[in-house]
C-alpha atoms as a PDB file:
ATOM      1  CA  MET A   1      56.378 -31.499  70.621  1.00  0.00           C
ATOM      2  CA  LEU A   2      55.453 -30.720  67.093  1.00  0.00           C
ATOM      3  CA  SER A   3      57.417 -28.115  64.701  1.00  0.00           C
ATOM      4  CA  THR A   4      57.310 -27.325  61.287  1.00  0.00           C
ATOM      5  CA  VAL A   5      60.272 -26.435  58.920  1.00  0.00           C
ATOM      6  CA  GLU A   6      60.275 -25.405  55.361  1.00  0.00           C
ATOM      7  CA  VAL A   7      61.842 -27.618  52.724  1.00  0.00           C
ATOM      8  CA  ILE A   8      62.302 -27.706  48.932  1.00  0.00           C
ATOM      9  CA  VAL A   9      60.922 -30.700  46.984  1.00  0.00           C
ATOM     10  CA  GLU A  10      63.216 -31.058  43.743  1.00  0.00           C
ATOM     11  CA  LYS A  11      61.693 -32.476  40.741  1.00  0.00           C
ATOM     12  CA  ASN A  12      63.813 -35.552  41.182  1.00  0.00           C
ATOM     13  CA  GLY A  13      61.941 -36.215  44.860  1.00  0.00           C
ATOM     14  CA  ASN A  14      65.129 -34.894  46.908  1.00  0.00           C
ATOM     15  CA  VAL A  15      64.125 -33.138  49.905  1.00  0.00           C
ATOM     16  CA  ARG A  16      66.358 -30.033  50.647  1.00  0.00           C
ATOM     17  CA  LEU A  17      66.185 -28.324  54.197  1.00  0.00           C
ATOM     18  CA  LEU A  18      65.987 -24.402  54.068  1.00  0.00           C
ATOM     19  CA  GLU A  19      67.505 -24.265  57.817  1.00  0.00           C
ATOM     20  CA  PRO A  20      69.577 -26.637  59.677  1.00  0.00           C
ATOM     21  CA  LEU A  21      67.793 -29.304  61.652  1.00  0.00           C
ATOM     22  CA  HIS A  22      69.057 -31.036  64.662  1.00  0.00           C
ATOM     23  CA  PRO A  23      67.008 -33.895  65.947  1.00  0.00           C
ATOM     24  CA  SER A  24      68.039 -35.235  69.334  1.00  0.00           C
ATOM     25  CA  HIS A  25      66.624 -38.614  68.260  1.00  0.00           C
ATOM     26  CA  SER A  26      65.143 -40.435  65.143  1.00  0.00           C
ATOM     27  CA  MET A  27      61.353 -39.024  64.552  1.00  0.00           C
ATOM     28  CA  ARG A  28      58.557 -39.445  62.140  1.00  0.00           C
ATOM     29  CA  ALA A  29      57.564 -36.697  59.747  1.00  0.00           C
ATOM     30  CA  LEU A  30      54.785 -35.655  57.683  1.00  0.00           C
ATOM     31  CA  LEU A  31      55.378 -33.749  54.338  1.00  0.00           C
ATOM     32  CA  THR A  32      52.769 -31.734  52.873  1.00  0.00           C
ATOM     33  CA  LEU A  33      53.192 -30.521  49.408  1.00  0.00           C
ATOM     34  CA  LEU A  34      52.193 -27.086  48.497  1.00  0.00           C
ATOM     35  CA  GLU A  35      51.708 -25.342  45.478  1.00  0.00           C
ATOM     36  CA  PRO A  36      54.517 -25.195  42.821  1.00  0.00           C
ATOM     37  CA  LEU A  37      57.446 -23.099  43.669  1.00  0.00           C
ATOM     38  CA  GLU A  38      58.369 -20.105  41.569  1.00  0.00           C
ATOM     39  CA  LYS A  39      62.253 -19.424  41.354  1.00  0.00           C
ATOM     40  CA  SER A  40      61.675 -15.935  42.251  1.00  0.00           C
ATOM     41  CA  THR A  41      60.201 -16.900  45.398  1.00  0.00           C
ATOM     42  CA  ILE A  42      63.353 -18.471  46.616  1.00  0.00           C
ATOM     43  CA  THR A  43      65.360 -15.968  48.979  1.00  0.00           C
ATOM     44  CA  PRO A  44      68.812 -16.327  50.367  1.00  0.00           C
ATOM     45  CA  LYS A  45      69.399 -16.413  53.950  1.00  0.00           C
ATOM     46  CA  ARG A  46      70.028 -13.100  55.126  1.00  0.00           C
ATOM     47  CA  SER A  47      72.365 -12.017  58.554  1.00  0.00           C
ATOM     48  CA  LEU A  48      70.585 -10.327  61.295  1.00  0.00           C
ATOM     49  CA  HIS A  49      73.631  -7.643  60.987  1.00  0.00           C
ATOM     50  CA  GLU A  50      72.201  -6.517  57.759  1.00  0.00           C
ATOM     51  CA  PHE A  51      68.960  -4.987  59.614  1.00  0.00           C
ATOM     52  CA  ILE A  52      70.677  -3.289  62.471  1.00  0.00           C
ATOM     53  CA  GLY A  53      70.070   0.214  62.278  1.00  0.00           C
ATOM     54  CA  ILE A  54      67.673   0.267  59.480  1.00  0.00           C
ATOM     55  CA  LEU A  55      64.725   1.867  61.308  1.00  0.00           C
ATOM     56  CA  LYS A  56      67.219   4.412  62.901  1.00  0.00           C
ATOM     57  CA  ASN A  57      65.954   7.490  60.707  1.00  0.00           C
ATOM     58  CA  SER A  58      62.393   6.365  60.043  1.00  0.00           C
ATOM     59  CA  THR A  59      59.728   8.547  60.982  1.00  0.00           C
ATOM     60  CA  VAL A  60      57.481   5.893  62.040  1.00  0.00           C
ATOM     61  CA  PHE A  61      59.545   5.454  65.193  1.00  0.00           C
ATOM     62  CA  SER A  62      60.159   9.182  66.042  1.00  0.00           C
ATOM     63  CA  GLY A  63      58.928  10.940  69.191  1.00  0.00           C
ATOM     64  CA  ASN A  64      58.550   9.983  72.774  1.00  0.00           C
ATOM     65  CA  PRO A  65      59.101   6.251  72.915  1.00  0.00           C
ATOM     66  CA  VAL A  66      56.450   6.204  75.983  1.00  0.00           C
ATOM     67  CA  THR A  67      54.048   7.779  73.833  1.00  0.00           C
ATOM     68  CA  LEU A  68      54.638   5.751  71.109  1.00  0.00           C
ATOM     69  CA  GLN A  69      54.161   2.545  73.098  1.00  0.00           C
ATOM     70  CA  ARG A  70      50.966   3.551  74.628  1.00  0.00           C
ATOM     71  CA  ASP A  71      49.624   4.457  71.169  1.00  0.00           C
ATOM     72  CA  MET A  72      50.817   1.227  69.706  1.00  0.00           C
ATOM     73  CA  ARG A  73      49.071  -0.606  72.632  1.00  0.00           C
ATOM     74  CA  ASP A  74      45.876   1.640  72.301  1.00  0.00           C
ATOM     75  CA  ASP A  75      45.678   0.043  68.326  1.00  0.00           C
ATOM     76  CA  TRP A  76      45.393  -3.283  70.068  1.00  0.00           C
ATOM     77  CA  ASP A  77      42.219  -2.399  71.655  1.00  0.00           C
END
């Protein structure tokens, strides 16, 4: 199965994984070089716990949940 992982290629050629990778066996890989990385685009990993309750008081999700879901589904049509 093909999968994609994000890495940073340092100036000295070292490749740094941005997330853990646990392959079950050795495998081949291709590395595609993208545009140069700006220092400001490197964001630290954040815990999911930081996002719990963040939309609690949002006006976007206020009102009847069933009506909200129907409206969202109708937007797809």
